[in-house]
Amino acid sequence: MVSGQLTSLLIRFGKGDRDAIDRLLPLVYDELHLLARRQRFGWRERPDAPGTTSLVHESFFRLVDQDQVEWECRAQFFAIAARAMRSILVDNARWHARAKRGGNPIPVPLESANLVSREQSAELIDLDRALVRLEHDEERLVRIVECRFFGGLSIPETAEAIGISEATVKRGWNVARAWLYGELRAG
């Protein structure tokens, strides 16, 4: 993918050029699909299980529906995509938790029903709760976790997406992982 071409399309889209979306999807689709597979595989889901494509499509729709984002670069796009995927996966995990308790089942299309396995739903919800607590005090650390863990971005890409130095990303990543480990073990 040509990063400059993607950035140009994102800027055009941000300025209201809706035709840029048609050219944007083919440029990012494969990378979003790989990101979604990593997200789902990270939760011990089979990489080829149904739902990866649904995660890509849902996250892309959420991305293009954002009208308050000033698109700047490829890394920022994928950082926001990672956040959208986190939100979708957590919503799906919560749905599984509600269904497990028998409470108010919400109809879900078949293709999106298997984004997160029932067994991993509790872990994902616990992680999300920990991230919400961390975000209260250290929002930057949560952005780093979203980019690195949920987005699969490298340290340089994360630094570019958030607008901080690579050294700050490295330190933040180490601090966030240690904090989350302690929180999740204690919980």
N, C-alpha and C. Protein backbone atom coordinates (compact mmCIF):
# COMPACT_ATOMS: atom_id res chain seq x y z
N MET A 1 0.84 -1.17 0.00
CA MET A 1 0.00 0.00 0.00
C MET A 1 0.89 1.23 0.00
N VAL A 2 0.54 2.22 -0.81
CA VAL A 2 1.28 3.46 -0.85
C VAL A 2 0.71 4.37 0.23
N SER A 3 1.52 4.64 1.24
CA SER A 3 1.08 5.43 2.39
C SER A 3 0.61 6.82 1.98
N GLY A 4 1.33 7.43 1.06
CA GLY A 4 0.96 8.77 0.60
C GLY A 4 -0.40 8.80 -0.08
N GLN A 5 -0.71 7.77 -0.86
CA GLN A 5 -2.00 7.68 -1.53
C GLN A 5 -3.12 7.53 -0.50
N LEU A 6 -2.90 6.70 0.51
CA LEU A 6 -3.89 6.51 1.56
C LEU A 6 -4.11 7.81 2.32
N THR A 7 -3.03 8.47 2.68
CA THR A 7 -3.13 9.74 3.41
C THR A 7 -3.90 10.77 2.59
N SER A 8 -3.60 10.84 1.32
CA SER A 8 -4.30 11.79 0.43
C SER A 8 -5.80 11.50 0.40
N LEU A 9 -6.16 10.22 0.29
CA LEU A 9 -7.58 9.86 0.27
C LEU A 9 -8.25 10.17 1.61
N LEU A 10 -7.55 9.92 2.71
CA LEU A 10 -8.11 10.22 4.03
C LEU A 10 -8.37 11.71 4.19
N ILE A 11 -7.43 12.52 3.73
CA ILE A 11 -7.60 13.98 3.83
C ILE A 11 -8.77 14.42 2.96
N ARG A 12 -8.85 13.88 1.74
CA ARG A 12 -9.98 14.22 0.86
C ARG A 12 -11.30 13.81 1.49
N PHE A 13 -11.33 12.61 2.07
CA PHE A 13 -12.54 12.14 2.73
C PHE A 13 -12.91 13.05 3.89
N GLY A 14 -11.91 13.45 4.67
CA GLY A 14 -12.14 14.35 5.80
C GLY A 14 -12.70 15.70 5.39
N LYS A 15 -12.41 16.10 4.16
CA LYS A 15 -12.92 17.38 3.65
C LYS A 15 -14.27 17.23 2.96
N GLY A 16 -14.84 16.01 3.05
CA GLY A 16 -16.19 15.81 2.53
C GLY A 16 -16.27 15.11 1.19
N ASP A 17 -15.17 14.69 0.61
CA ASP A 17 -15.17 14.00 -0.68
C ASP A 17 -15.59 12.54 -0.45
N ARG A 18 -16.87 12.26 -0.66
CA ARG A 18 -17.41 10.91 -0.42
C ARG A 18 -16.89 9.90 -1.44
N ASP A 19 -16.45 10.35 -2.61
CA ASP A 19 -15.88 9.43 -3.60
C ASP A 19 -14.57 8.82 -3.11
N ALA A 20 -13.91 9.49 -2.20
CA ALA A 20 -12.65 8.98 -1.67
C ALA A 20 -12.86 7.66 -0.94
N ILE A 21 -14.04 7.46 -0.37
CA ILE A 21 -14.33 6.20 0.34
C ILE A 21 -14.23 5.02 -0.62
N ASP A 22 -14.78 5.18 -1.83
CA ASP A 22 -14.75 4.09 -2.80
C ASP A 22 -13.32 3.68 -3.15
N ARG A 23 -12.41 4.63 -3.15
CA ARG A 23 -11.02 4.32 -3.46
C ARG A 23 -10.25 3.90 -2.22
N LEU A 24 -10.76 4.27 -1.04
CA LEU A 24 -10.09 3.96 0.22
C LEU A 24 -10.21 2.49 0.60
N LEU A 25 -11.41 1.94 0.49
CA LEU A 25 -11.64 0.56 0.93
C LEU A 25 -10.69 -0.45 0.28
N PRO A 26 -10.51 -0.44 -1.03
CA PRO A 26 -9.58 -1.42 -1.61
C PRO A 26 -8.15 -1.27 -1.08
N LEU A 27 -7.75 -0.06 -0.72
CA LEU A 27 -6.39 0.15 -0.23
C LEU A 27 -6.18 -0.39 1.18
N VAL A 28 -7.24 -0.38 1.99
CA VAL A 28 -7.08 -0.76 3.40
C VAL A 28 -7.71 -2.10 3.73
N TYR A 29 -8.47 -2.68 2.82
CA TYR A 29 -9.25 -3.88 3.14
C TYR A 29 -8.38 -5.04 3.63
N ASP A 30 -7.33 -5.36 2.87
CA ASP A 30 -6.49 -6.50 3.26
C ASP A 30 -5.84 -6.27 4.62
N GLU A 31 -5.38 -5.05 4.86
CA GLU A 31 -4.74 -4.75 6.13
C GLU A 31 -5.75 -4.78 7.28
N LEU A 32 -6.97 -4.28 7.04
CA LEU A 32 -8.02 -4.37 8.07
C LEU A 32 -8.37 -5.83 8.34
N HIS A 33 -8.40 -6.64 7.30
CA HIS A 33 -8.72 -8.06 7.47
C HIS A 33 -7.65 -8.75 8.31
N LEU A 34 -6.39 -8.45 8.03
CA LEU A 34 -5.29 -9.01 8.81
C LEU A 34 -5.39 -8.55 10.27
N LEU A 35 -5.70 -7.29 10.47
CA LEU A 35 -5.87 -6.74 11.81
C LEU A 35 -7.01 -7.46 12.54
N ALA A 36 -8.11 -7.68 11.86
CA ALA A 36 -9.25 -8.37 12.47
C ALA A 36 -8.90 -9.81 12.82
N ARG A 37 -8.16 -10.47 11.95
CA ARG A 37 -7.74 -11.86 12.24
C ARG A 37 -6.86 -11.89 13.48
N ARG A 38 -5.93 -10.91 13.59
CA ARG A 38 -5.07 -10.84 14.76
C ARG A 38 -5.88 -10.59 16.02
N GLN A 39 -6.87 -9.70 15.91
CA GLN A 39 -7.73 -9.39 17.05
C GLN A 39 -8.41 -10.66 17.54
N ARG A 40 -9.02 -11.35 16.63
CA ARG A 40 -9.77 -12.55 16.99
C ARG A 40 -8.84 -13.67 17.43
N PHE A 41 -7.69 -13.82 16.77
CA PHE A 41 -6.75 -14.86 17.14
C PHE A 41 -6.18 -14.59 18.53
N GLY A 42 -6.04 -13.30 18.87
CA GLY A 42 -5.56 -12.93 20.20
C GLY A 42 -6.48 -13.42 21.29
N TRP A 43 -7.73 -13.68 20.94
CA TRP A 43 -8.69 -14.21 21.93
C TRP A 43 -8.89 -15.70 21.73
N ARG A 44 -7.85 -16.34 21.21
CA ARG A 44 -7.81 -17.79 21.04
C ARG A 44 -8.94 -18.32 20.17
N GLU A 45 -9.41 -17.49 19.28
CA GLU A 45 -10.43 -17.90 18.32
C GLU A 45 -9.68 -18.42 17.09
N ARG A 46 -10.18 -19.41 16.44
CA ARG A 46 -9.56 -19.89 15.22
C ARG A 46 -9.51 -18.75 14.20
N PRO A 47 -8.37 -18.49 13.58
CA PRO A 47 -8.27 -17.38 12.64
C PRO A 47 -9.23 -17.49 11.46
N ASP A 48 -9.63 -18.72 11.09
CA ASP A 48 -10.50 -18.88 9.93
C ASP A 48 -11.97 -19.01 10.32
N ALA A 49 -12.29 -18.80 11.60
CA ALA A 49 -13.68 -18.93 12.05
C ALA A 49 -14.52 -17.80 11.45
N PRO A 50 -15.83 -18.04 11.30
CA PRO A 50 -16.69 -16.98 10.77
C PRO A 50 -16.62 -15.75 11.66
N GLY A 51 -16.74 -14.60 11.06
CA GLY A 51 -16.81 -13.38 11.84
C GLY A 51 -15.73 -12.37 11.53
N THR A 52 -14.59 -12.79 11.00
CA THR A 52 -13.51 -11.86 10.72
C THR A 52 -13.94 -10.81 9.70
N THR A 53 -14.56 -11.25 8.63
CA THR A 53 -15.01 -10.32 7.60
C THR A 53 -16.07 -9.38 8.17
N SER A 54 -16.95 -9.89 9.01
CA SER A 54 -17.96 -9.03 9.63
C SER A 54 -17.30 -7.97 10.49
N LEU A 55 -16.24 -8.34 11.20
CA LEU A 55 -15.52 -7.37 12.03
C LEU A 55 -14.89 -6.28 11.16
N VAL A 56 -14.33 -6.67 10.03
CA VAL A 56 -13.75 -5.69 9.10
C VAL A 56 -14.82 -4.74 8.59
N HIS A 57 -15.92 -5.28 8.14
CA HIS A 57 -16.97 -4.44 7.56
C HIS A 57 -17.57 -3.50 8.60
N GLU A 58 -17.88 -4.03 9.76
CA GLU A 58 -18.47 -3.20 10.82
C GLU A 58 -17.52 -2.09 11.23
N SER A 59 -16.25 -2.41 11.39
CA SER A 59 -15.29 -1.38 11.80
C SER A 59 -15.12 -0.34 10.70
N PHE A 60 -15.10 -0.76 9.43
CA PHE A 60 -14.96 0.21 8.34
C PHE A 60 -16.17 1.14 8.30
N PHE A 61 -17.38 0.58 8.50
CA PHE A 61 -18.57 1.44 8.51
C PHE A 61 -18.50 2.45 9.64
N ARG A 62 -18.01 2.02 10.79
CA ARG A 62 -17.86 2.95 11.91
C ARG A 62 -16.83 4.03 11.60
N LEU A 63 -15.78 3.65 10.90
CA LEU A 63 -14.74 4.62 10.56
C LEU A 63 -15.24 5.68 9.59
N VAL A 64 -15.91 5.26 8.54
CA VAL A 64 -16.36 6.23 7.55
C VAL A 64 -17.56 7.03 8.03
N ASP A 65 -18.19 6.56 9.09
CA ASP A 65 -19.33 7.29 9.64
C ASP A 65 -18.88 8.42 10.57
N GLN A 66 -17.60 8.50 10.85
CA GLN A 66 -17.07 9.53 11.74
C GLN A 66 -16.91 10.82 10.97
N ASP A 67 -17.58 11.85 11.44
CA ASP A 67 -17.46 13.14 10.75
C ASP A 67 -16.72 14.16 11.60
N GLN A 68 -16.22 13.76 12.75
CA GLN A 68 -15.49 14.69 13.60
C GLN A 68 -14.00 14.40 13.63
N VAL A 69 -13.54 13.50 12.78
CA VAL A 69 -12.13 13.15 12.74
C VAL A 69 -11.47 13.92 11.61
N GLU A 70 -10.35 14.56 11.92
CA GLU A 70 -9.54 15.18 10.88
C GLU A 70 -8.46 14.16 10.52
N TRP A 71 -8.70 13.43 9.44
CA TRP A 71 -7.78 12.37 9.04
C TRP A 71 -6.45 12.97 8.66
N GLU A 72 -5.37 12.36 9.18
CA GLU A 72 -4.04 12.90 8.94
C GLU A 72 -3.10 11.90 8.26
N CYS A 73 -3.17 10.63 8.68
CA CYS A 73 -2.19 9.69 8.15
C CYS A 73 -2.69 8.26 8.31
N ARG A 74 -1.95 7.35 7.70
CA ARG A 74 -2.27 5.93 7.74
C ARG A 74 -2.29 5.39 9.17
N ALA A 75 -1.29 5.74 9.96
CA ALA A 75 -1.20 5.22 11.33
C ALA A 75 -2.41 5.67 12.16
N GLN A 76 -2.83 6.90 11.99
CA GLN A 76 -4.00 7.39 12.72
C GLN A 76 -5.24 6.59 12.31
N PHE A 77 -5.39 6.32 11.02
CA PHE A 77 -6.53 5.55 10.53
C PHE A 77 -6.58 4.18 11.19
N PHE A 78 -5.43 3.48 11.23
CA PHE A 78 -5.42 2.15 11.80
C PHE A 78 -5.53 2.17 13.33
N ALA A 79 -5.09 3.24 13.96
CA ALA A 79 -5.29 3.37 15.41
C ALA A 79 -6.78 3.51 15.72
N ILE A 80 -7.48 4.29 14.93
CA ILE A 80 -8.91 4.45 15.14
C ILE A 80 -9.65 3.17 14.76
N ALA A 81 -9.14 2.47 13.74
CA ALA A 81 -9.73 1.17 13.37
C ALA A 81 -9.59 0.18 14.52
N ALA A 82 -8.44 0.19 15.17
CA ALA A 82 -8.22 -0.71 16.31
C ALA A 82 -9.20 -0.40 17.43
N ARG A 83 -9.44 0.87 17.66
CA ARG A 83 -10.40 1.26 18.71
C ARG A 83 -11.81 0.79 18.34
N ALA A 84 -12.17 0.93 17.08
CA ALA A 84 -13.49 0.47 16.63
C ALA A 84 -13.62 -1.04 16.80
N MET A 85 -12.57 -1.78 16.46
CA MET A 85 -12.61 -3.24 16.61
C MET A 85 -12.71 -3.63 18.08
N ARG A 86 -12.00 -2.91 18.93
CA ARG A 86 -12.11 -3.19 20.37
C ARG A 86 -13.55 -3.02 20.81
N SER A 87 -14.17 -1.95 20.40
CA SER A 87 -15.55 -1.67 20.78
C SER A 87 -16.50 -2.76 20.29
N ILE A 88 -16.31 -3.19 19.06
CA ILE A 88 -17.16 -4.24 18.49
C ILE A 88 -16.98 -5.55 19.24
N LEU A 89 -15.73 -5.91 19.50
CA LEU A 89 -15.45 -7.16 20.21
C LEU A 89 -15.99 -7.14 21.63
N VAL A 90 -15.86 -6.01 22.31
CA VAL A 90 -16.38 -5.90 23.68
C VAL A 90 -17.91 -5.97 23.67
N ASP A 91 -18.55 -5.29 22.72
CA ASP A 91 -20.01 -5.38 22.61
C ASP A 91 -20.45 -6.82 22.40
N ASN A 92 -19.71 -7.54 21.54
CA ASN A 92 -20.02 -8.94 21.29
C ASN A 92 -19.83 -9.79 22.54
N ALA A 93 -18.76 -9.52 23.29
CA ALA A 93 -18.51 -10.26 24.53
C ALA A 93 -19.62 -10.00 25.54
N ARG A 94 -20.06 -8.77 25.62
CA ARG A 94 -21.16 -8.45 26.54
C ARG A 94 -22.44 -9.16 26.13
N TRP A 95 -22.67 -9.26 24.82
CA TRP A 95 -23.84 -9.98 24.34
C TRP A 95 -23.79 -11.43 24.80
N HIS A 96 -22.61 -12.06 24.67
CA HIS A 96 -22.46 -13.44 25.12
C HIS A 96 -22.70 -13.56 26.62
N ALA A 97 -22.20 -12.59 27.38
CA ALA A 97 -22.39 -12.64 28.84
C ALA A 97 -23.87 -12.52 29.20
N ARG A 98 -24.59 -11.64 28.51
CA ARG A 98 -26.04 -11.50 28.75
C ARG A 98 -26.77 -12.78 28.38
N ALA A 99 -26.41 -13.34 27.24
CA ALA A 99 -27.07 -14.57 26.79
C ALA A 99 -26.80 -15.71 27.75
N LYS A 100 -25.57 -15.78 28.27
CA LYS A 100 -25.21 -16.83 29.21
C LYS A 100 -26.06 -16.75 30.48
N ARG A 101 -26.36 -15.51 30.91
CA ARG A 101 -27.18 -15.33 32.11
C ARG A 101 -28.67 -15.37 31.79
N GLY A 102 -29.00 -15.49 30.50
CA GLY A 102 -30.40 -15.59 30.10
C GLY A 102 -31.11 -14.25 30.06
N GLY A 103 -30.39 -13.17 30.14
CA GLY A 103 -31.01 -11.85 30.19
C GLY A 103 -31.17 -11.19 28.86
N ASN A 104 -32.36 -10.77 28.57
CA ASN A 104 -32.72 -9.97 27.41
C ASN A 104 -31.84 -10.23 26.18
N PRO A 105 -31.99 -11.38 25.56
CA PRO A 105 -31.17 -11.62 24.38
C PRO A 105 -31.48 -10.61 23.27
N ILE A 106 -30.43 -10.16 22.63
CA ILE A 106 -30.55 -9.20 21.53
C ILE A 106 -30.28 -9.96 20.25
N PRO A 107 -31.19 -9.84 19.25
CA PRO A 107 -30.93 -10.54 17.99
C PRO A 107 -29.64 -10.04 17.34
N VAL A 108 -28.80 -10.97 16.92
CA VAL A 108 -27.53 -10.64 16.28
C VAL A 108 -27.45 -11.43 14.99
N PRO A 109 -27.05 -10.78 13.89
CA PRO A 109 -26.91 -11.51 12.63
C PRO A 109 -25.93 -12.67 12.79
N LEU A 110 -26.20 -13.77 12.12
CA LEU A 110 -25.39 -14.97 12.26
C LEU A 110 -23.92 -14.72 11.99
N GLU A 111 -23.60 -13.91 10.96
CA GLU A 111 -22.21 -13.73 10.61
C GLU A 111 -21.43 -12.95 11.65
N SER A 112 -22.08 -12.21 12.55
CA SER A 112 -21.34 -11.48 13.57
C SER A 112 -21.47 -12.12 14.94
N ALA A 113 -22.16 -13.22 15.03
CA ALA A 113 -22.39 -13.84 16.33
C ALA A 113 -21.16 -14.54 16.89
N ASN A 114 -20.17 -14.82 16.06
CA ASN A 114 -19.01 -15.57 16.52
C ASN A 114 -17.72 -14.75 16.55
N LEU A 115 -17.81 -13.46 16.77
CA LEU A 115 -16.60 -12.65 16.80
C LEU A 115 -15.69 -13.03 17.96
N VAL A 116 -16.29 -13.30 19.11
CA VAL A 116 -15.54 -13.70 20.30
C VAL A 116 -16.23 -14.93 20.85
N SER A 117 -15.44 -15.93 21.21
CA SER A 117 -16.04 -17.14 21.75
C SER A 117 -16.64 -16.86 23.12
N ARG A 118 -17.60 -17.66 23.51
CA ARG A 118 -18.23 -17.49 24.82
C ARG A 118 -17.20 -17.62 25.94
N GLU A 119 -16.25 -18.52 25.76
CA GLU A 119 -15.26 -18.75 26.80
C GLU A 119 -14.37 -17.52 27.01
N GLN A 120 -14.12 -16.78 25.95
CA GLN A 120 -13.22 -15.62 26.06
C GLN A 120 -13.96 -14.33 26.36
N SER A 121 -15.29 -14.35 26.37
CA SER A 121 -16.07 -13.14 26.61
C SER A 121 -15.74 -12.50 27.94
N ALA A 122 -15.66 -13.30 28.99
CA ALA A 122 -15.38 -12.75 30.33
C ALA A 122 -14.01 -12.09 30.37
N GLU A 123 -13.01 -12.72 29.73
CA GLU A 123 -11.67 -12.13 29.71
C GLU A 123 -11.66 -10.79 28.98
N LEU A 124 -12.34 -10.71 27.86
CA LEU A 124 -12.38 -9.47 27.10
C LEU A 124 -13.11 -8.38 27.86
N ILE A 125 -14.20 -8.74 28.52
CA ILE A 125 -14.94 -7.75 29.33
C ILE A 125 -14.06 -7.27 30.48
N ASP A 126 -13.34 -8.19 31.14
CA ASP A 126 -12.43 -7.80 32.22
C ASP A 126 -11.34 -6.85 31.70
N LEU A 127 -10.79 -7.17 30.53
CA LEU A 127 -9.77 -6.30 29.95
C LEU A 127 -10.34 -4.92 29.66
N ASP A 128 -11.54 -4.89 29.09
CA ASP A 128 -12.16 -3.61 28.78
C ASP A 128 -12.40 -2.80 30.06
N ARG A 129 -12.88 -3.44 31.10
CA ARG A 129 -13.11 -2.73 32.37
C ARG A 129 -11.80 -2.17 32.92
N ALA A 130 -10.73 -2.96 32.83
CA ALA A 130 -9.43 -2.49 33.30
C ALA A 130 -8.97 -1.30 32.47
N LEU A 131 -9.18 -1.36 31.16
CA LEU A 131 -8.79 -0.24 30.30
C LEU A 131 -9.60 1.01 30.61
N VAL A 132 -10.87 0.85 30.93
CA VAL A 132 -11.69 2.00 31.31
C VAL A 132 -11.15 2.63 32.59
N ARG A 133 -10.77 1.79 33.58
CA ARG A 133 -10.18 2.32 34.82
C ARG A 133 -8.86 3.04 34.53
N LEU A 134 -8.03 2.44 33.71
CA LEU A 134 -6.75 3.04 33.35
C LEU A 134 -6.96 4.35 32.61
N GLU A 135 -7.95 4.39 31.74
CA GLU A 135 -8.21 5.59 30.95
C GLU A 135 -8.56 6.79 31.82
N HIS A 136 -9.15 6.51 32.97
CA HIS A 136 -9.52 7.59 33.89
C HIS A 136 -8.28 8.37 34.34
N ASP A 137 -7.16 7.66 34.54
CA ASP A 137 -5.93 8.30 35.01
C ASP A 137 -4.87 8.49 33.93
N GLU A 138 -4.81 7.57 32.99
CA GLU A 138 -3.74 7.57 31.98
C GLU A 138 -4.29 7.27 30.59
N GLU A 139 -4.97 8.23 30.01
CA GLU A 139 -5.59 8.02 28.71
C GLU A 139 -4.57 7.64 27.64
N ARG A 140 -3.38 8.24 27.71
CA ARG A 140 -2.36 7.95 26.71
C ARG A 140 -1.98 6.46 26.72
N LEU A 141 -1.91 5.87 27.91
CA LEU A 141 -1.56 4.45 28.00
C LEU A 141 -2.62 3.58 27.31
N VAL A 142 -3.87 3.96 27.45
CA VAL A 142 -4.95 3.20 26.80
C VAL A 142 -4.83 3.32 25.28
N ARG A 143 -4.52 4.52 24.78
CA ARG A 143 -4.34 4.69 23.33
C ARG A 143 -3.20 3.81 22.84
N ILE A 144 -2.13 3.71 23.64
CA ILE A 144 -1.00 2.86 23.26
C ILE A 144 -1.44 1.40 23.22
N VAL A 145 -2.19 0.95 24.20
CA VAL A 145 -2.67 -0.43 24.22
C VAL A 145 -3.57 -0.69 23.02
N GLU A 146 -4.46 0.25 22.71
CA GLU A 146 -5.35 0.06 21.56
C GLU A 146 -4.55 -0.07 20.27
N CYS A 147 -3.56 0.79 20.11
CA CYS A 147 -2.76 0.73 18.89
C CYS A 147 -1.93 -0.55 18.82
N ARG A 148 -1.25 -0.89 19.91
CA ARG A 148 -0.34 -2.03 19.89
C ARG A 148 -1.08 -3.36 19.96
N PHE A 149 -1.99 -3.51 20.93
CA PHE A 149 -2.65 -4.79 21.14
C PHE A 149 -3.81 -4.99 20.18
N PHE A 150 -4.73 -4.04 20.15
CA PHE A 150 -5.91 -4.20 19.31
C PHE A 150 -5.60 -3.88 17.85
N GLY A 151 -4.70 -2.94 17.61
CA GLY A 151 -4.42 -2.52 16.24
C GLY A 151 -3.25 -3.21 15.60
N GLY A 152 -2.39 -3.85 16.40
CA GLY A 152 -1.23 -4.51 15.84
C GLY A 152 -0.23 -3.54 15.23
N LEU A 153 -0.28 -2.26 15.63
CA LEU A 153 0.63 -1.28 15.07
C LEU A 153 2.01 -1.44 15.70
N SER A 154 3.02 -1.12 14.94
CA SER A 154 4.39 -1.15 15.44
C SER A 154 4.61 0.05 16.37
N ILE A 155 5.74 0.07 17.02
CA ILE A 155 6.06 1.21 17.89
C ILE A 155 6.14 2.51 17.09
N PRO A 156 6.83 2.53 15.93
CA PRO A 156 6.84 3.78 15.15
C PRO A 156 5.45 4.20 14.67
N GLU A 157 4.62 3.24 14.24
CA GLU A 157 3.26 3.57 13.80
C GLU A 157 2.43 4.10 14.95
N THR A 158 2.58 3.50 16.13
CA THR A 158 1.84 3.97 17.30
C THR A 158 2.27 5.38 17.66
N ALA A 159 3.57 5.64 17.63
CA ALA A 159 4.07 6.98 17.94
C ALA A 159 3.49 8.00 16.97
N GLU A 160 3.46 7.65 15.69
CA GLU A 160 2.90 8.57 14.69
C GLU A 160 1.41 8.79 14.89
N ALA A 161 0.68 7.71 15.19
CA ALA A 161 -0.77 7.81 15.34
C ALA A 161 -1.16 8.67 16.54
N ILE A 162 -0.40 8.56 17.62
CA ILE A 162 -0.74 9.29 18.84
C ILE A 162 -0.05 10.64 18.90
N GLY A 163 1.04 10.78 18.17
CA GLY A 163 1.77 12.04 18.17
C GLY A 163 2.73 12.16 19.34
N ILE A 164 3.40 11.05 19.67
CA ILE A 164 4.39 11.04 20.74
C ILE A 164 5.65 10.36 20.23
N SER A 165 6.71 10.40 21.02
CA SER A 165 7.96 9.78 20.59
C SER A 165 7.91 8.26 20.73
N GLU A 166 8.78 7.59 19.99
CA GLU A 166 8.86 6.13 20.07
C GLU A 166 9.29 5.69 21.47
N ALA A 167 10.18 6.45 22.09
CA ALA A 167 10.62 6.10 23.45
C ALA A 167 9.45 6.18 24.43
N THR A 168 8.58 7.17 24.25
CA THR A 168 7.41 7.29 25.12
C THR A 168 6.45 6.13 24.90
N VAL A 169 6.32 5.69 23.64
CA VAL A 169 5.48 4.52 23.35
C VAL A 169 6.04 3.29 24.04
N LYS A 170 7.34 3.07 23.93
CA LYS A 170 7.96 1.90 24.56
C LYS A 170 7.75 1.89 26.07
N ARG A 171 8.00 3.03 26.70
CA ARG A 171 7.81 3.12 28.15
C ARG A 171 6.33 2.91 28.50
N GLY A 172 5.45 3.58 27.76
CA GLY A 172 4.02 3.47 28.03
C GLY A 172 3.51 2.05 27.83
N TRP A 173 3.99 1.37 26.81
CA TRP A 173 3.59 0.00 26.52
C TRP A 173 4.00 -0.92 27.67
N ASN A 174 5.22 -0.75 28.17
CA ASN A 174 5.69 -1.55 29.30
C ASN A 174 4.89 -1.27 30.56
N VAL A 175 4.64 -0.01 30.84
CA VAL A 175 3.87 0.37 32.03
C VAL A 175 2.44 -0.18 31.92
N ALA A 176 1.81 0.02 30.77
CA ALA A 176 0.42 -0.43 30.59
C ALA A 176 0.31 -1.94 30.73
N ARG A 177 1.23 -2.68 30.12
CA ARG A 177 1.18 -4.14 30.23
C ARG A 177 1.35 -4.60 31.67
N ALA A 178 2.27 -4.00 32.38
CA ALA A 178 2.48 -4.38 33.79
C ALA A 178 1.25 -4.03 34.63
N TRP A 179 0.69 -2.86 34.41
CA TRP A 179 -0.50 -2.44 35.17
C TRP A 179 -1.68 -3.37 34.86
N LEU A 180 -1.89 -3.67 33.59
CA LEU A 180 -2.99 -4.54 33.21
C LEU A 180 -2.80 -5.95 33.77
N TYR A 181 -1.59 -6.43 33.74
CA TYR A 181 -1.30 -7.75 34.29
C TYR A 181 -1.71 -7.79 35.77
N GLY A 182 -1.29 -6.78 36.51
CA GLY A 182 -1.65 -6.72 37.93
C GLY A 182 -3.15 -6.61 38.16
N GLU A 183 -3.80 -5.78 37.37
CA GLU A 183 -5.25 -5.60 37.50
C GLU A 183 -6.02 -6.88 37.17
N LEU A 184 -5.63 -7.52 36.09
CA LEU A 184 -6.35 -8.71 35.67
C LEU A 184 -6.08 -9.90 36.58
N ARG A 185 -4.88 -9.98 37.13
CA ARG A 185 -4.58 -11.06 38.09
C ARG A 185 -5.33 -10.85 39.39
N ALA A 186 -5.42 -9.60 39.83
CA ALA A 186 -6.10 -9.29 41.09
C ALA A 186 -7.60 -9.51 40.97
N GLY A 187 -8.14 -9.27 39.76
CA GLY A 187 -9.58 -9.37 39.55
C GLY A 187 -10.00 -10.79 39.36
